[in-house]
Amino acid sequence: MRRIDVIGIGFGIFLLGGGLYVGFRLAGLDGLSAGVWSQVIFVGGILGWVGTYLFRVVTGNMTYGEQLKDYEEAVLQKRLDEMSPEQWAELQAKLEADQTAEPEAESSSSSSS
């Protein structure tokens, strides 16, 4: 985000706050009540925004995390595309061997319990 974008967003929020204040004044509230209610709306909005940010952090659904996952998948796909048929067959055989070894390991660990 560019500096001018941040300035524009800040100015827009400033105007929105003024608009809320004027709207509450036109709705019949006195100046003090209109100021308090416009601040309540802004604090609620900020807490809601921070809450969504924290939720994305906790769930790991951040932009950087998504970009990193996409990059890793692209690198793995490129490596798979560059493999020779012999390497591909060797990898498949190794995966199949690992898959057949997992159930045996699970059954032996559960039977020993």
N, C-alpha and C. Protein backbone atom coordinates (compact mmCIF):
# COMPACT_ATOMS: atom_id res chain seq x y z
N MET A 1 0.85 -1.17 0.00
CA MET A 1 0.00 0.00 0.00
C MET A 1 0.90 1.23 0.00
N ARG A 2 0.56 2.16 -0.84
CA ARG A 2 1.35 3.37 -0.96
C ARG A 2 0.99 4.37 0.14
N ARG A 3 1.87 5.31 0.36
CA ARG A 3 1.65 6.31 1.40
C ARG A 3 0.41 7.15 1.09
N ILE A 4 0.19 7.47 -0.17
CA ILE A 4 -0.98 8.27 -0.54
C ILE A 4 -2.27 7.50 -0.28
N ASP A 5 -2.22 6.18 -0.42
CA ASP A 5 -3.40 5.36 -0.12
C ASP A 5 -3.74 5.43 1.36
N VAL A 6 -2.71 5.36 2.22
CA VAL A 6 -2.93 5.44 3.66
C VAL A 6 -3.49 6.81 4.03
N ILE A 7 -2.95 7.86 3.42
CA ILE A 7 -3.46 9.21 3.70
C ILE A 7 -4.91 9.32 3.25
N GLY A 8 -5.23 8.78 2.09
CA GLY A 8 -6.61 8.81 1.59
C GLY A 8 -7.56 8.05 2.48
N ILE A 9 -7.15 6.88 2.95
CA ILE A 9 -8.01 6.09 3.85
C ILE A 9 -8.21 6.84 5.16
N GLY A 10 -7.14 7.42 5.70
CA GLY A 10 -7.26 8.19 6.94
C GLY A 10 -8.19 9.38 6.78
N PHE A 11 -8.08 10.07 5.65
CA PHE A 11 -8.96 11.21 5.39
C PHE A 11 -10.41 10.76 5.24
N GLY A 12 -10.61 9.61 4.58
CA GLY A 12 -11.96 9.07 4.43
C GLY A 12 -12.58 8.70 5.77
N ILE A 13 -11.79 8.12 6.65
CA ILE A 13 -12.29 7.77 7.99
C ILE A 13 -12.62 9.04 8.77
N PHE A 14 -11.78 10.07 8.63
CA PHE A 14 -12.04 11.35 9.27
C PHE A 14 -13.38 11.93 8.80
N LEU A 15 -13.61 11.89 7.50
CA LEU A 15 -14.88 12.39 6.95
C LEU A 15 -16.06 11.54 7.40
N LEU A 16 -15.86 10.23 7.49
CA LEU A 16 -16.93 9.35 7.96
C LEU A 16 -17.31 9.69 9.40
N GLY A 17 -16.31 9.95 10.24
CA GLY A 17 -16.59 10.33 11.63
C GLY A 17 -17.38 11.63 11.70
N GLY A 18 -16.98 12.60 10.88
CA GLY A 18 -17.72 13.86 10.83
C GLY A 18 -19.13 13.65 10.33
N GLY A 19 -19.28 12.79 9.35
CA GLY A 19 -20.61 12.49 8.83
C GLY A 19 -21.50 11.82 9.86
N LEU A 20 -20.91 10.90 10.63
CA LEU A 20 -21.68 10.28 11.71
C LEU A 20 -22.13 11.31 12.73
N TYR A 21 -21.22 12.18 13.11
CA TYR A 21 -21.54 13.22 14.08
C TYR A 21 -22.68 14.10 13.58
N VAL A 22 -22.55 14.54 12.34
CA VAL A 22 -23.60 15.40 11.76
C VAL A 22 -24.91 14.63 11.65
N GLY A 23 -24.83 13.35 11.28
CA GLY A 23 -26.04 12.54 11.20
C GLY A 23 -26.74 12.40 12.53
N PHE A 24 -25.97 12.18 13.59
CA PHE A 24 -26.57 12.09 14.92
C PHE A 24 -27.14 13.43 15.36
N ARG A 25 -26.46 14.52 14.99
CA ARG A 25 -27.00 15.85 15.33
C ARG A 25 -28.32 16.09 14.60
N LEU A 26 -28.37 15.69 13.32
CA LEU A 26 -29.61 15.87 12.57
C LEU A 26 -30.72 14.96 13.09
N ALA A 27 -30.33 13.84 13.70
CA ALA A 27 -31.33 12.92 14.27
C ALA A 27 -31.88 13.45 15.59
N GLY A 28 -31.32 14.55 16.10
CA GLY A 28 -31.87 15.17 17.29
C GLY A 28 -31.03 15.01 18.55
N LEU A 29 -29.88 14.45 18.47
CA LEU A 29 -29.02 14.32 19.65
C LEU A 29 -28.27 15.63 19.87
N ASP A 30 -27.97 15.92 21.16
CA ASP A 30 -27.17 17.10 21.44
C ASP A 30 -25.72 16.81 21.06
N GLY A 31 -24.87 17.82 21.08
CA GLY A 31 -23.49 17.69 20.61
C GLY A 31 -22.69 16.66 21.38
N LEU A 32 -22.85 16.61 22.69
CA LEU A 32 -22.10 15.66 23.51
C LEU A 32 -22.52 14.22 23.21
N SER A 33 -23.81 13.96 23.14
CA SER A 33 -24.30 12.61 22.85
C SER A 33 -23.92 12.18 21.44
N ALA A 34 -24.00 13.09 20.49
CA ALA A 34 -23.62 12.75 19.11
C ALA A 34 -22.14 12.38 19.05
N GLY A 35 -21.30 13.11 19.78
CA GLY A 35 -19.87 12.80 19.81
C GLY A 35 -19.60 11.45 20.46
N VAL A 36 -20.31 11.19 21.55
CA VAL A 36 -20.11 9.91 22.25
C VAL A 36 -20.55 8.75 21.36
N TRP A 37 -21.70 8.86 20.73
CA TRP A 37 -22.19 7.75 19.90
C TRP A 37 -21.33 7.54 18.65
N SER A 38 -20.83 8.61 18.07
CA SER A 38 -19.95 8.42 16.91
C SER A 38 -18.64 7.75 17.35
N GLN A 39 -18.14 8.06 18.55
CA GLN A 39 -16.95 7.39 19.06
C GLN A 39 -17.23 5.92 19.39
N VAL A 40 -18.43 5.64 19.92
CA VAL A 40 -18.79 4.24 20.22
C VAL A 40 -18.78 3.42 18.94
N ILE A 41 -19.32 3.97 17.87
CA ILE A 41 -19.34 3.26 16.59
C ILE A 41 -17.92 3.03 16.08
N PHE A 42 -17.07 4.04 16.18
CA PHE A 42 -15.70 3.88 15.72
C PHE A 42 -14.92 2.87 16.55
N VAL A 43 -15.04 2.93 17.87
CA VAL A 43 -14.33 1.96 18.72
C VAL A 43 -14.84 0.55 18.44
N GLY A 44 -16.16 0.40 18.27
CA GLY A 44 -16.71 -0.91 17.92
C GLY A 44 -16.19 -1.41 16.59
N GLY A 45 -16.08 -0.51 15.62
CA GLY A 45 -15.54 -0.88 14.32
C GLY A 45 -14.07 -1.29 14.41
N ILE A 46 -13.31 -0.55 15.19
CA ILE A 46 -11.89 -0.89 15.34
C ILE A 46 -11.74 -2.23 16.05
N LEU A 47 -12.51 -2.46 17.11
CA LEU A 47 -12.43 -3.75 17.81
C LEU A 47 -12.86 -4.90 16.90
N GLY A 48 -13.87 -4.67 16.07
CA GLY A 48 -14.28 -5.70 15.12
C GLY A 48 -13.19 -5.99 14.10
N TRP A 49 -12.54 -4.95 13.60
CA TRP A 49 -11.46 -5.13 12.64
C TRP A 49 -10.28 -5.88 13.26
N VAL A 50 -9.90 -5.49 14.48
CA VAL A 50 -8.81 -6.17 15.18
C VAL A 50 -9.20 -7.63 15.44
N GLY A 51 -10.47 -7.87 15.76
CA GLY A 51 -10.94 -9.23 15.99
C GLY A 51 -10.81 -10.10 14.75
N THR A 52 -11.15 -9.55 13.59
CA THR A 52 -11.01 -10.33 12.35
C THR A 52 -9.54 -10.59 12.05
N TYR A 53 -8.69 -9.61 12.34
CA TYR A 53 -7.26 -9.79 12.12
C TYR A 53 -6.73 -10.89 13.03
N LEU A 54 -7.08 -10.86 14.32
CA LEU A 54 -6.62 -11.89 15.25
C LEU A 54 -7.15 -13.27 14.86
N PHE A 55 -8.38 -13.32 14.36
CA PHE A 55 -8.94 -14.60 13.91
C PHE A 55 -8.12 -15.16 12.75
N ARG A 56 -7.74 -14.30 11.80
CA ARG A 56 -6.92 -14.76 10.68
C ARG A 56 -5.54 -15.20 11.14
N VAL A 57 -5.00 -14.53 12.16
CA VAL A 57 -3.69 -14.92 12.69
C VAL A 57 -3.78 -16.29 13.34
N VAL A 58 -4.80 -16.50 14.17
CA VAL A 58 -4.95 -17.76 14.89
C VAL A 58 -5.21 -18.92 13.94
N THR A 59 -6.02 -18.71 12.92
CA THR A 59 -6.34 -19.78 11.98
C THR A 59 -5.25 -19.94 10.91
N GLY A 60 -4.27 -19.05 10.88
CA GLY A 60 -3.19 -19.16 9.90
C GLY A 60 -3.62 -18.79 8.50
N ASN A 61 -4.64 -17.99 8.38
CA ASN A 61 -5.19 -17.62 7.07
C ASN A 61 -4.70 -16.23 6.66
N MET A 62 -3.43 -15.96 6.92
CA MET A 62 -2.86 -14.66 6.58
C MET A 62 -2.39 -14.65 5.12
N THR A 63 -2.28 -13.49 4.57
CA THR A 63 -1.86 -13.35 3.18
C THR A 63 -0.49 -13.96 2.96
N TYR A 64 0.45 -13.68 3.86
CA TYR A 64 1.80 -14.22 3.70
C TYR A 64 1.79 -15.74 3.74
N GLY A 65 1.03 -16.30 4.66
CA GLY A 65 0.94 -17.75 4.76
C GLY A 65 0.36 -18.38 3.51
N GLU A 66 -0.65 -17.75 2.95
CA GLU A 66 -1.25 -18.24 1.71
C GLU A 66 -0.25 -18.16 0.55
N GLN A 67 0.47 -17.05 0.47
CA GLN A 67 1.45 -16.89 -0.60
C GLN A 67 2.56 -17.92 -0.47
N LEU A 68 3.00 -18.17 0.77
CA LEU A 68 4.06 -19.15 1.00
C LEU A 68 3.60 -20.55 0.62
N LYS A 69 2.36 -20.89 0.98
CA LYS A 69 1.82 -22.20 0.62
C LYS A 69 1.72 -22.36 -0.89
N ASP A 70 1.24 -21.31 -1.58
CA ASP A 70 1.14 -21.36 -3.05
C ASP A 70 2.52 -21.52 -3.69
N TYR A 71 3.51 -20.82 -3.14
CA TYR A 71 4.87 -20.91 -3.67
C TYR A 71 5.43 -22.32 -3.49
N GLU A 72 5.25 -22.88 -2.29
CA GLU A 72 5.75 -24.23 -2.02
C GLU A 72 5.10 -25.25 -2.96
N GLU A 73 3.80 -25.11 -3.18
CA GLU A 73 3.11 -26.02 -4.09
C GLU A 73 3.64 -25.87 -5.52
N ALA A 74 3.91 -24.64 -5.94
CA ALA A 74 4.43 -24.41 -7.29
C ALA A 74 5.82 -25.02 -7.44
N VAL A 75 6.65 -24.88 -6.40
CA VAL A 75 8.00 -25.46 -6.45
C VAL A 75 7.92 -26.98 -6.52
N LEU A 76 7.07 -27.58 -5.70
CA LEU A 76 6.92 -29.03 -5.73
C LEU A 76 6.39 -29.51 -7.08
N GLN A 77 5.45 -28.78 -7.65
CA GLN A 77 4.90 -29.15 -8.95
C GLN A 77 5.98 -29.06 -10.02
N LYS A 78 6.82 -28.03 -9.95
CA LYS A 78 7.89 -27.88 -10.93
C LYS A 78 8.88 -29.03 -10.81
N ARG A 79 9.19 -29.43 -9.57
CA ARG A 79 10.11 -30.56 -9.37
C ARG A 79 9.51 -31.85 -9.92
N LEU A 80 8.21 -32.03 -9.71
CA LEU A 80 7.56 -33.23 -10.25
C LEU A 80 7.57 -33.22 -11.77
N ASP A 81 7.35 -32.05 -12.36
CA ASP A 81 7.34 -31.94 -13.82
C ASP A 81 8.72 -32.23 -14.42
N GLU A 82 9.77 -31.93 -13.67
CA GLU A 82 11.13 -32.12 -14.17
C GLU A 82 11.66 -33.54 -13.96
N MET A 83 10.90 -34.36 -13.25
CA MET A 83 11.38 -35.73 -12.97
C MET A 83 11.30 -36.60 -14.21
N SER A 84 12.28 -37.48 -14.31
CA SER A 84 12.27 -38.45 -15.40
C SER A 84 11.26 -39.55 -15.07
N PRO A 85 10.82 -40.32 -16.07
CA PRO A 85 9.89 -41.41 -15.80
C PRO A 85 10.44 -42.42 -14.77
N GLU A 86 11.75 -42.65 -14.79
CA GLU A 86 12.34 -43.57 -13.83
C GLU A 86 12.26 -43.01 -12.41
N GLN A 87 12.55 -41.72 -12.26
CA GLN A 87 12.46 -41.09 -10.95
C GLN A 87 11.02 -41.08 -10.45
N TRP A 88 10.09 -40.84 -11.38
CA TRP A 88 8.67 -40.82 -11.04
C TRP A 88 8.23 -42.20 -10.54
N ALA A 89 8.63 -43.25 -11.24
CA ALA A 89 8.28 -44.61 -10.84
C ALA A 89 8.90 -44.95 -9.48
N GLU A 90 10.13 -44.51 -9.25
CA GLU A 90 10.80 -44.76 -7.97
C GLU A 90 10.06 -44.06 -6.83
N LEU A 91 9.64 -42.83 -7.07
CA LEU A 91 8.89 -42.08 -6.06
C LEU A 91 7.56 -42.75 -5.76
N GLN A 92 6.85 -43.20 -6.78
CA GLN A 92 5.57 -43.88 -6.57
C GLN A 92 5.76 -45.17 -5.78
N ALA A 93 6.81 -45.92 -6.09
CA ALA A 93 7.08 -47.16 -5.37
C ALA A 93 7.38 -46.87 -3.90
N LYS A 94 8.13 -45.82 -3.65
CA LYS A 94 8.46 -45.45 -2.28
C LYS A 94 7.20 -45.03 -1.52
N LEU A 95 6.32 -44.27 -2.16
CA LEU A 95 5.07 -43.84 -1.52
C LEU A 95 4.18 -45.05 -1.21
N GLU A 96 4.09 -45.97 -2.14
CA GLU A 96 3.28 -47.17 -1.90
C GLU A 96 3.85 -47.99 -0.76
N ALA A 97 5.17 -48.09 -0.69
CA ALA A 97 5.81 -48.83 0.40
C ALA A 97 5.53 -48.15 1.74
N ASP A 98 5.57 -46.84 1.75
CA ASP A 98 5.28 -46.10 2.98
C ASP A 98 3.83 -46.28 3.41
N GLN A 99 2.91 -46.29 2.45
CA GLN A 99 1.50 -46.46 2.76
C GLN A 99 1.21 -47.85 3.31
N THR A 100 1.85 -48.86 2.79
CA THR A 100 1.62 -50.21 3.31
C THR A 100 2.32 -50.40 4.65
N ALA A 101 3.38 -49.66 4.92
CA ALA A 101 4.08 -49.76 6.20
C ALA A 101 3.30 -49.07 7.31
N GLU A 102 2.55 -48.01 7.01
CA GLU A 102 1.80 -47.28 8.03
C GLU A 102 0.74 -48.15 8.70
N PRO A 103 -0.13 -48.86 7.97
CA PRO A 103 -1.14 -49.68 8.65
C PRO A 103 -0.51 -50.78 9.51
N GLU A 104 0.60 -51.34 9.06
CA GLU A 104 1.27 -52.37 9.85
C GLU A 104 1.80 -51.77 11.15
N ALA A 105 2.36 -50.57 11.08
CA ALA A 105 2.89 -49.92 12.26
C ALA A 105 1.77 -49.57 13.24
N GLU A 106 0.62 -49.12 12.70
CA GLU A 106 -0.50 -48.77 13.56
C GLU A 106 -1.09 -50.02 14.22
N SER A 107 -1.21 -51.11 13.46
CA SER A 107 -1.80 -52.34 14.03
C SER A 107 -0.87 -52.95 15.09
N SER A 108 0.44 -52.87 14.89
CA SER A 108 1.36 -53.42 15.88
C SER A 108 1.40 -52.55 17.13
N SER A 109 1.25 -51.22 16.98
CA SER A 109 1.26 -50.37 18.16
C SER A 109 -0.04 -50.47 18.93
N SER A 110 -1.17 -50.69 18.24
CA SER A 110 -2.44 -50.81 18.94
C SER A 110 -2.60 -52.18 19.57
N SER A 111 -1.99 -53.22 19.01
CA SER A 111 -2.11 -54.55 19.59
C SER A 111 -1.19 -54.71 20.80
N SER A 112 -0.13 -53.90 20.88
CA SER A 112 0.77 -53.98 22.02
C SER A 112 0.24 -53.22 23.21
N SER A 113 -0.80 -52.41 23.04
CA SER A 113 -1.37 -51.60 24.14
C SER A 113 -2.24 -52.42 25.02
